[in-house]
Amino acid sequence: FRSKQWYQRRVRGMAVARSITTKLQSRFLPTFLEVINESHMHNVPRNSETHFKVYIVSEEFKGMQLIKRHRAVNSALSEELNSGVHALSIIAKTPAQWESDPNSVKSPPCLGGSKL
């Protein structure tokens, strides 16, 4: 049996991922969107929401250079990036690009921040 506090922490713990998802869906109307919290792979407290990977596929990216796609995503998520999200990996493709290569890109292991 799980306590009410556990459920409240669990919902609160997904707030950033939910915000990222909502904003990207609203801004880009993606045909595919996956937001992955990769914080557990880094030297951060348990249940953190500081490191994310985003797969986003949208017609909005057609004719747009990769750097402009990333800037557009970063702009849509400026609030999150200025208030706790430390790292954001972005895979931004058009539907045609996604159909020709839907493979994911594996994130590298964390090197431990100051342990470099």
C-alpha atoms as a PDB file:
ATOM      1  CA  PHE A   1       0.000   0.000   0.000  1.00  0.00           C
ATOM      2  CA  ARG A   2       1.385   3.405  -0.951  1.00  0.00           C
ATOM      3  CA  SER A   3       0.736   6.521   1.039  1.00  0.00           C
ATOM      4  CA  LYS A   4      -0.963   9.675  -0.162  1.00  0.00           C
ATOM      5  CA  GLN A   5       2.385  11.480   0.256  1.00  0.00           C
ATOM      6  CA  TRP A   6       4.080   8.970  -2.087  1.00  0.00           C
ATOM      7  CA  TYR A   7       1.517   9.705  -4.804  1.00  0.00           C
ATOM      8  CA  GLN A   8       1.822  13.471  -4.266  1.00  0.00           C
ATOM      9  CA  ARG A   9       5.621  13.246  -4.584  1.00  0.00           C
ATOM     10  CA  ARG A  10       5.272  11.057  -7.674  1.00  0.00           C
ATOM     11  CA  VAL A  11       2.942  13.539  -9.423  1.00  0.00           C
ATOM     12  CA  ARG A  12       5.046  16.504  -8.321  1.00  0.00           C
ATOM     13  CA  GLY A  13       8.150  14.619  -9.501  1.00  0.00           C
ATOM     14  CA  MET A  14       6.783  14.468 -13.054  1.00  0.00           C
ATOM     15  CA  ALA A  15       5.816  18.147 -13.243  1.00  0.00           C
ATOM     16  CA  VAL A  16       8.775  19.232 -15.377  1.00  0.00           C
ATOM     17  CA  ALA A  17       8.405  16.363 -17.855  1.00  0.00           C
ATOM     18  CA  ARG A  18       4.694  17.121 -18.113  1.00  0.00           C
ATOM     19  CA  SER A  19       5.392  20.822 -18.698  1.00  0.00           C
ATOM     20  CA  ILE A  20       7.946  20.023 -21.410  1.00  0.00           C
ATOM     21  CA  THR A  21       5.503  17.672 -23.114  1.00  0.00           C
ATOM     22  CA  THR A  22       2.625  20.145 -22.978  1.00  0.00           C
ATOM     23  CA  LYS A  23       4.660  23.049 -24.321  1.00  0.00           C
ATOM     24  CA  LEU A  24       6.205  21.068 -27.176  1.00  0.00           C
ATOM     25  CA  GLN A  25       2.848  19.584 -28.178  1.00  0.00           C
ATOM     26  CA  SER A  26       1.282  23.033 -28.214  1.00  0.00           C
ATOM     27  CA  ARG A  27       4.110  24.772 -30.064  1.00  0.00           C
ATOM     28  CA  PHE A  28       5.063  22.158 -32.692  1.00  0.00           C
ATOM     29  CA  LEU A  29       2.000  19.889 -33.100  1.00  0.00           C
ATOM     30  CA  PRO A  30       4.343  16.894 -33.390  1.00  0.00           C
ATOM     31  CA  THR A  31       3.477  13.646 -35.115  1.00  0.00           C
ATOM     32  CA  PHE A  32       5.757  11.965 -32.572  1.00  0.00           C
ATOM     33  CA  LEU A  33       6.983  13.241 -29.216  1.00  0.00           C
ATOM     34  CA  GLU A  34       8.839  11.449 -26.469  1.00  0.00           C
ATOM     35  CA  VAL A  35      10.236  13.184 -23.400  1.00  0.00           C
ATOM     36  CA  ILE A  36      12.646  11.039 -21.397  1.00  0.00           C
ATOM     37  CA  ASN A  37      13.887  11.992 -17.951  1.00  0.00           C
ATOM     38  CA  GLU A  38      17.535  10.884 -17.900  1.00  0.00           C
ATOM     39  CA  SER A  39      18.319  12.433 -14.528  1.00  0.00           C
ATOM     40  CA  HIS A  40      18.794   9.002 -12.942  1.00  0.00           C
ATOM     41  CA  MET A  41      21.884   8.591 -15.151  1.00  0.00           C
ATOM     42  CA  HIS A  42      23.574  11.578 -13.495  1.00  0.00           C
ATOM     43  CA  ASN A  43      24.911  12.610 -10.121  1.00  0.00           C
ATOM     44  CA  VAL A  44      21.713  14.287  -8.895  1.00  0.00           C
ATOM     45  CA  PRO A  45      19.287  13.560  -6.048  1.00  0.00           C
ATOM     46  CA  ARG A  46      16.787  10.743  -6.536  1.00  0.00           C
ATOM     47  CA  ASN A  47      13.626  11.696  -8.483  1.00  0.00           C
ATOM     48  CA  SER A  48      15.271  14.788  -9.949  1.00  0.00           C
ATOM     49  CA  GLU A  49      14.064  16.340 -13.196  1.00  0.00           C
ATOM     50  CA  THR A  50      17.232  17.990 -14.423  1.00  0.00           C
ATOM     51  CA  HIS A  51      18.376  16.022 -17.492  1.00  0.00           C
ATOM     52  CA  PHE A  52      16.057  15.271 -20.410  1.00  0.00           C
ATOM     53  CA  LYS A  53      16.128  13.819 -23.890  1.00  0.00           C
ATOM     54  CA  VAL A  54      13.452  14.895 -26.348  1.00  0.00           C
ATOM     55  CA  TYR A  55      12.498  13.146 -29.577  1.00  0.00           C
ATOM     56  CA  ILE A  56      10.244  15.441 -31.563  1.00  0.00           C
ATOM     57  CA  VAL A  57       8.968  14.957 -35.095  1.00  0.00           C
ATOM     58  CA  SER A  58       7.105  17.838 -36.697  1.00  0.00           C
ATOM     59  CA  GLU A  59       6.297  19.321 -40.088  1.00  0.00           C
ATOM     60  CA  GLU A  60       7.344  22.642 -38.514  1.00  0.00           C
ATOM     61  CA  PHE A  61      10.976  21.556 -38.956  1.00  0.00           C
ATOM     62  CA  LYS A  62      10.692  21.171 -42.734  1.00  0.00           C
ATOM     63  CA  GLY A  63      13.299  23.394 -44.408  1.00  0.00           C
ATOM     64  CA  MET A  64      14.751  24.415 -41.042  1.00  0.00           C
ATOM     65  CA  GLN A  65      18.440  23.903 -40.267  1.00  0.00           C
ATOM     66  CA  LEU A  66      19.225  21.642 -37.306  1.00  0.00           C
ATOM     67  CA  ILE A  67      20.575  24.516 -35.196  1.00  0.00           C
ATOM     68  CA  LYS A  68      17.360  26.483 -35.789  1.00  0.00           C
ATOM     69  CA  ARG A  69      15.286  23.474 -34.746  1.00  0.00           C
ATOM     70  CA  HIS A  70      17.230  23.245 -31.508  1.00  0.00           C
ATOM     71  CA  ARG A  71      16.891  26.976 -30.917  1.00  0.00           C
ATOM     72  CA  ALA A  72      13.138  26.747 -31.481  1.00  0.00           C
ATOM     73  CA  VAL A  73      12.807  23.901 -28.972  1.00  0.00           C
ATOM     74  CA  ASN A  74      15.031  25.730 -26.465  1.00  0.00           C
ATOM     75  CA  SER A  75      12.937  28.869 -26.912  1.00  0.00           C
ATOM     76  CA  ALA A  76       9.712  26.959 -26.270  1.00  0.00           C
ATOM     77  CA  LEU A  77      11.269  25.552 -23.078  1.00  0.00           C
ATOM     78  CA  SER A  78      13.036  28.703 -21.873  1.00  0.00           C
ATOM     79  CA  GLU A  79      11.179  28.693 -18.548  1.00  0.00           C
ATOM     80  CA  GLU A  80      12.260  25.111 -17.770  1.00  0.00           C
ATOM     81  CA  LEU A  81      15.834  25.741 -18.921  1.00  0.00           C
ATOM     82  CA  ASN A  82      16.047  28.792 -16.643  1.00  0.00           C
ATOM     83  CA  SER A  83      14.582  27.060 -13.610  1.00  0.00           C
ATOM     84  CA  GLY A  84      16.226  23.712 -13.002  1.00  0.00           C
ATOM     85  CA  VAL A  85      16.635  21.789 -16.250  1.00  0.00           C
ATOM     86  CA  HIS A  86      20.386  21.411 -16.527  1.00  0.00           C
ATOM     87  CA  ALA A  87      20.640  19.404 -19.747  1.00  0.00           C
ATOM     88  CA  LEU A  88      18.403  18.907 -22.761  1.00  0.00           C
ATOM     89  CA  SER A  89      19.283  16.524 -25.568  1.00  0.00           C
ATOM     90  CA  ILE A  90      17.165  17.201 -28.653  1.00  0.00           C
ATOM     91  CA  ILE A  91      16.468  14.926 -31.599  1.00  0.00           C
ATOM     92  CA  ALA A  92      14.299  17.085 -33.896  1.00  0.00           C
ATOM     93  CA  LYS A  93      13.256  15.645 -37.244  1.00  0.00           C
ATOM     94  CA  THR A  94      10.699  16.088 -39.967  1.00  0.00           C
ATOM     95  CA  PRO A  95       8.279  13.186 -40.519  1.00  0.00           C
ATOM     96  CA  ALA A  96      10.188  12.191 -43.686  1.00  0.00           C
ATOM     97  CA  GLN A  97      13.490  12.099 -41.787  1.00  0.00           C
ATOM     98  CA  TRP A  98      11.917  10.088 -38.970  1.00  0.00           C
ATOM     99  CA  GLU A  99      10.451   7.551 -41.401  1.00  0.00           C
ATOM    100  CA  SER A 100      13.820   7.034 -43.065  1.00  0.00           C
ATOM    101  CA  ASP A 101      15.716   6.735 -39.735  1.00  0.00           C
ATOM    102  CA  PRO A 102      13.557   6.211 -36.626  1.00  0.00           C
ATOM    103  CA  ASN A 103      16.478   4.863 -34.577  1.00  0.00           C
ATOM    104  CA  SER A 104      17.177   6.520 -31.286  1.00  0.00           C
ATOM    105  CA  VAL A 105      20.502   7.940 -30.258  1.00  0.00           C
ATOM    106  CA  LYS A 106      21.825   6.502 -27.010  1.00  0.00           C
ATOM    107  CA  SER A 107      22.906   9.065 -24.438  1.00  0.00           C
ATOM    108  CA  PRO A 108      26.509   8.864 -23.253  1.00  0.00           C
ATOM    109  CA  PRO A 109      27.167   7.900 -19.629  1.00  0.00           C
ATOM    110  CA  CYS A 110      27.545  10.693 -17.107  1.00  0.00           C
ATOM    111  CA  LEU A 111      31.146  11.488 -16.247  1.00  0.00           C
ATOM    112  CA  GLY A 112      30.210  12.742 -12.799  1.00  0.00           C
ATOM    113  CA  GLY A 113      30.235  16.499 -13.279  1.00  0.00           C
ATOM    114  CA  SER A 114      33.219  17.782 -11.331  1.00  0.00           C
ATOM    115  CA  LYS A 115      34.965  14.406 -11.639  1.00  0.00           C
ATOM    116  CA  LEU A 116      36.167  15.204 -15.185  1.00  0.00           C
END
